[in-house]
C-alpha atoms as a PDB file:
ATOM      1  CA  GLN A   1     -16.177 -33.392  33.929  1.00  0.00           C
ATOM      2  CA  GLY A   2     -18.590 -34.489  31.309  1.00  0.00           C
ATOM      3  CA  GLN A   3     -20.126 -33.618  28.241  1.00  0.00           C
ATOM      4  CA  LEU A   4     -23.388 -33.301  26.961  1.00  0.00           C
ATOM      5  CA  VAL A   5     -24.356 -33.698  22.975  1.00  0.00           C
ATOM      6  CA  GLU A   6     -27.825 -32.913  21.853  1.00  0.00           C
ATOM      7  CA  SER A   7     -29.832 -33.673  18.961  1.00  0.00           C
ATOM      8  CA  GLY A   8     -33.066 -33.325  17.548  1.00  0.00           C
ATOM      9  CA  GLY A   9     -33.738 -29.361  16.797  1.00  0.00           C
ATOM     10  CA  GLY A  10     -35.344 -28.825  13.524  1.00  0.00           C
ATOM     11  CA  LEU A  11     -37.663 -26.776  11.268  1.00  0.00           C
ATOM     12  CA  VAL A  12     -41.546 -27.542  11.836  1.00  0.00           C
ATOM     13  CA  GLN A  13     -44.561 -26.122  11.182  1.00  0.00           C
ATOM     14  CA  ALA A  14     -47.168 -25.055  13.627  1.00  0.00           C
ATOM     15  CA  GLY A  15     -48.689 -27.974  15.211  1.00  0.00           C
ATOM     16  CA  GLY A  16     -45.812 -30.537  14.541  1.00  0.00           C
ATOM     17  CA  SER A  17     -44.116 -32.275  16.866  1.00  0.00           C
ATOM     18  CA  LEU A  18     -40.446 -32.372  17.887  1.00  0.00           C
ATOM     19  CA  SER A  19     -37.758 -34.655  19.814  1.00  0.00           C
ATOM     20  CA  LEU A  20     -34.564 -33.806  21.279  1.00  0.00           C
ATOM     21  CA  SER A  21     -32.410 -35.459  23.291  1.00  0.00           C
ATOM     22  CA  CYS A  22     -29.525 -34.975  25.249  1.00  0.00           C
ATOM     23  CA  ALA A  23     -26.774 -37.621  25.992  1.00  0.00           C
ATOM     24  CA  ALA A  24     -24.331 -37.276  28.645  1.00  0.00           C
ATOM     25  CA  SER A  25     -20.829 -38.524  29.287  1.00  0.00           C
ATOM     26  CA  GLY A  26     -17.319 -38.697  30.983  1.00  0.00           C
ATOM     27  CA  ARG A  27     -15.802 -40.396  33.845  1.00  0.00           C
ATOM     28  CA  PHE A  28     -17.070 -39.842  37.051  1.00  0.00           C
ATOM     29  CA  PHE A  29     -20.050 -37.533  35.303  1.00  0.00           C
ATOM     30  CA  PHE A  30     -23.679 -38.927  36.910  1.00  0.00           C
ATOM     31  CA  PRO A  31     -26.599 -36.820  35.747  1.00  0.00           C
ATOM     32  CA  ASP A  32     -28.884 -35.909  38.693  1.00  0.00           C
ATOM     33  CA  THR A  33     -31.121 -33.459  37.876  1.00  0.00           C
ATOM     34  CA  MET A  34     -31.747 -33.057  34.228  1.00  0.00           C
ATOM     35  CA  ALA A  35     -33.541 -30.236  32.485  1.00  0.00           C
ATOM     36  CA  TRP A  36     -33.982 -28.712  29.512  1.00  0.00           C
ATOM     37  CA  TYR A  37     -33.927 -24.650  28.896  1.00  0.00           C
ATOM     38  CA  ARG A  38     -34.551 -22.427  26.130  1.00  0.00           C
ATOM     39  CA  GLN A  39     -33.459 -19.084  24.701  1.00  0.00           C
ATOM     40  CA  ALA A  40     -35.225 -17.468  22.165  1.00  0.00           C
ATOM     41  CA  PRO A  41     -34.074 -13.953  19.777  1.00  0.00           C
ATOM     42  CA  GLY A  42     -33.191 -10.750  22.105  1.00  0.00           C
ATOM     43  CA  LYS A  43     -34.543 -12.992  25.566  1.00  0.00           C
ATOM     44  CA  GLN A  44     -33.241 -14.309  28.624  1.00  0.00           C
ATOM     45  CA  ARG A  45     -32.651 -17.944  28.965  1.00  0.00           C
ATOM     46  CA  ASP A  46     -35.702 -19.865  30.522  1.00  0.00           C
ATOM     47  CA  LEU A  47     -36.541 -23.345  32.338  1.00  0.00           C
ATOM     48  CA  VAL A  48     -39.022 -25.700  30.615  1.00  0.00           C
ATOM     49  CA  ALA A  49     -39.145 -28.936  31.878  1.00  0.00           C
ATOM     50  CA  THR A  50     -36.795 -30.472  34.897  1.00  0.00           C
ATOM     51  CA  ILE A  51     -36.363 -34.176  35.743  1.00  0.00           C
ATOM     52  CA  THR A  52     -35.064 -35.288  38.772  1.00  0.00           C
ATOM     53  CA  ARG A  53     -33.254 -39.071  38.867  1.00  0.00           C
ATOM     54  CA  GLY A  54     -36.226 -40.308  40.561  1.00  0.00           C
ATOM     55  CA  GLY A  55     -38.354 -39.434  37.909  1.00  0.00           C
ATOM     56  CA  SER A  56     -40.137 -36.327  39.217  1.00  0.00           C
ATOM     57  CA  THR A  57     -40.976 -33.509  36.557  1.00  0.00           C
ATOM     58  CA  ASN A  58     -41.891 -30.129  36.460  1.00  0.00           C
ATOM     59  CA  TYR A  59     -42.394 -27.685  33.511  1.00  0.00           C
ATOM     60  CA  ALA A  60     -43.192 -24.028  32.470  1.00  0.00           C
ATOM     61  CA  ASP A  61     -46.545 -23.124  32.577  1.00  0.00           C
ATOM     62  CA  SER A  62     -45.840 -22.667  28.514  1.00  0.00           C
ATOM     63  CA  VAL A  63     -45.519 -25.723  27.563  1.00  0.00           C
ATOM     64  CA  LYS A  64     -47.216 -28.083  30.427  1.00  0.00           C
ATOM     65  CA  GLY A  65     -49.902 -30.591  28.320  1.00  0.00           C
ATOM     66  CA  ARG A  66     -47.610 -30.265  24.933  1.00  0.00           C
ATOM     67  CA  PHE A  67     -44.289 -30.944  26.146  1.00  0.00           C
ATOM     68  CA  THR A  68     -42.886 -34.159  27.947  1.00  0.00           C
ATOM     69  CA  ILE A  69     -39.347 -34.396  29.571  1.00  0.00           C
ATOM     70  CA  SER A  70     -38.283 -38.151  30.526  1.00  0.00           C
ATOM     71  CA  ARG A  71     -34.961 -40.025  31.099  1.00  0.00           C
ATOM     72  CA  ASP A  72     -32.929 -43.119  30.584  1.00  0.00           C
ATOM     73  CA  ASN A  73     -30.510 -43.353  33.881  1.00  0.00           C
ATOM     74  CA  ALA A  74     -28.877 -46.485  32.582  1.00  0.00           C
ATOM     75  CA  LYS A  75     -27.940 -44.584  29.117  1.00  0.00           C
ATOM     76  CA  ASN A  76     -27.647 -41.155  30.968  1.00  0.00           C
ATOM     77  CA  THR A  77     -29.991 -39.566  28.222  1.00  0.00           C
ATOM     78  CA  VAL A  78     -32.544 -37.228  28.923  1.00  0.00           C
ATOM     79  CA  TRP A  79     -35.392 -36.302  26.318  1.00  0.00           C
ATOM     80  CA  LEU A  80     -37.836 -33.856  25.238  1.00  0.00           C
ATOM     81  CA  GLN A  81     -41.174 -34.423  23.139  1.00  0.00           C
ATOM     82  CA  MET A  82     -42.896 -31.361  22.336  1.00  0.00           C
ATOM     83  CA  ASN A  83     -45.989 -31.790  20.719  1.00  0.00           C
ATOM     84  CA  SER A  84     -48.438 -28.983  19.380  1.00  0.00           C
ATOM     85  CA  LEU A  85     -45.502 -26.527  18.405  1.00  0.00           C
ATOM     86  CA  LYS A  86     -46.351 -22.777  18.919  1.00  0.00           C
ATOM     87  CA  PRO A  87     -44.473 -19.825  16.742  1.00  0.00           C
ATOM     88  CA  GLU A  88     -43.480 -18.988  20.007  1.00  0.00           C
ATOM     89  CA  ASP A  89     -41.636 -21.970  21.118  1.00  0.00           C
ATOM     90  CA  THR A  90     -38.833 -21.038  18.713  1.00  0.00           C
ATOM     91  CA  ALA A  91     -35.605 -20.985  20.344  1.00  0.00           C
ATOM     92  CA  VAL A  92     -32.407 -22.373  20.655  1.00  0.00           C
ATOM     93  CA  TYR A  93     -33.038 -25.348  23.609  1.00  0.00           C
ATOM     94  CA  TYR A  94     -30.290 -26.393  26.025  1.00  0.00           C
ATOM     95  CA  CYS A  95     -29.669 -29.394  28.057  1.00  0.00           C
ATOM     96  CA  TYR A  96     -29.006 -28.895  31.446  1.00  0.00           C
ATOM     97  CA  VAL A  97     -27.201 -31.317  33.627  1.00  0.00           C
ATOM     98  CA  VAL A  98     -26.150 -31.379  37.257  1.00  0.00           C
ATOM     99  CA  ASN A  99     -23.490 -34.125  38.233  1.00  0.00           C
ATOM    100  CA  TYR A 100     -24.483 -35.936  41.176  1.00  0.00           C
ATOM    101  CA  SER A 101     -20.469 -36.597  42.063  1.00  0.00           C
ATOM    102  CA  ASN A 102     -19.441 -32.851  42.440  1.00  0.00           C
ATOM    103  CA  ASN A 103     -22.455 -30.607  42.326  1.00  0.00           C
ATOM    104  CA  LYS A 104     -21.660 -29.117  39.326  1.00  0.00           C
ATOM    105  CA  ALA A 105     -24.043 -28.308  36.302  1.00  0.00           C
ATOM    106  CA  VAL A 106     -22.898 -28.491  32.488  1.00  0.00           C
ATOM    107  CA  TRP A 107     -24.657 -27.721  29.751  1.00  0.00           C
ATOM    108  CA  GLY A 108     -25.089 -28.654  26.169  1.00  0.00           C
ATOM    109  CA  GLN A 109     -24.176 -26.786  22.878  1.00  0.00           C
ATOM    110  CA  GLY A 110     -27.717 -26.107  22.175  1.00  0.00           C
ATOM    111  CA  THR A 111     -29.960 -27.009  19.431  1.00  0.00           C
ATOM    112  CA  LYS A 112     -32.170 -24.426  17.468  1.00  0.00           C
ATOM    113  CA  VAL A 113     -35.721 -25.385  16.904  1.00  0.00           C
ATOM    114  CA  THR A 114     -37.848 -23.385  14.809  1.00  0.00           C
ATOM    115  CA  VAL A 115     -41.734 -23.296  14.202  1.00  0.00           C
ATOM    116  CA  SER A 116     -43.247 -21.641  11.382  1.00  0.00           C
ATOM    117  CA  SER A 117     -46.651 -20.387  11.570  1.00  0.00           C
END
């Protein structure tokens, strides 16, 4: 079993930037696919971006060109760089990591991002 520790949320004005990080740890916890999801108030949790262990990325259309997902396999860490933020990006952002050793997914605790207009 592993755990994820997220950091980096906060309040920012529209047009600003924030960077989120998520560090995975635990015995026999080997991150495979890593991803970020977000959940706005009253809405379902949606996929924002994914990155494979080999570095292949995928983004939701709503964030393409503004957000960048990256990872460091040696540090078991994934980041989400968010630029040109919009009020509609306001949500709780969750890290999601699939453990290669048992093919089970683990969720982070969530970090709140608020974008003011």
